[in-house]
Amino acid sequence: MTMIIIVIAICCAAALGALFFYHQMVFKKEVISGWRYEFSHGSAASANIPKGWILKAKPGTKPAIFSETKEAKTGESFLRMKADHASASLITKPDSVDINKTPLLRWHWRATTLPEGADGRIKAKDDQAIGIYAGTGNLFNNKCISYRWDTDTPKGSEGNSAYGLGSIKVKWYTLRNKDDNVNGRWYTEERDIAEDFKKAWGFYPRTIYLSISCNSQYTGSLAAADLAWIEFAARKE
């Protein structure tokens, strides 16, 4: 009888230990990853727009095309975007994100066609093959950060833009341009969105939205890019 009790006690301890280990691993994963969206072919219900995202087009301008797809040779899934004299954005709001806990924004992208002659420093040429936006606010008072893959704008450039009659204010950064290999090469980026936001606007946003844009309407050209995934993550200790 005593032996049976000892065996039961050992089994219970092992089970509790495994449960604790699992809890720690899940908690650790949540802290490190925070929120992540991987674009995979077939997850959309209609028009192949990713689930949980909405398309926002610019009035009077042909909309850019977004579609989840899969590369036959490599099996990689990603979001493909193309703007032919066009402009549009995909927008989502990851409600679970707290940038005080997961302040790093990471993503994996490539540009395949850059809009000819585009330059983010010049309003009349302000097109990008792809731009990643993170912002907060409402229709009348909106502030955001933008990380762009430009054409002629020098890497490391930054500036301010306003849209929607000044209601949307953007602090932008050029991370890539025509000097980077655009023949199928992928890049992984990481930015501290919390610190960038605080530096630009003087506060940390309590809620945040993400937007992915593809534009070529100003230059009247063609732009195309791909995005494999995007995530919020914690800083490394």
Foldseek 3Di string as FASTA:
>chain_A
DVVVVVVVVVVVVVVVVVVVVVVVVVVVCCLFFVDKDFQAAPCDDPLQDHPQKDKAFDPPFAAKRWHWDADPPPRAIWIKIKAQLGKIKIKHWPFRHFCVRFQKKKWKKAWQDAQPPAECVDPLRNFALKKKKKWDDDPQAIEIEIETEHEPYDAQDWDWDADDVRRYIYTYGYHHYNVDDRNPDMDMDMDRRQVVCCVVPVHGDRTMMMMMMGDHNSSSGMTMMIIGMMTTGGDDD
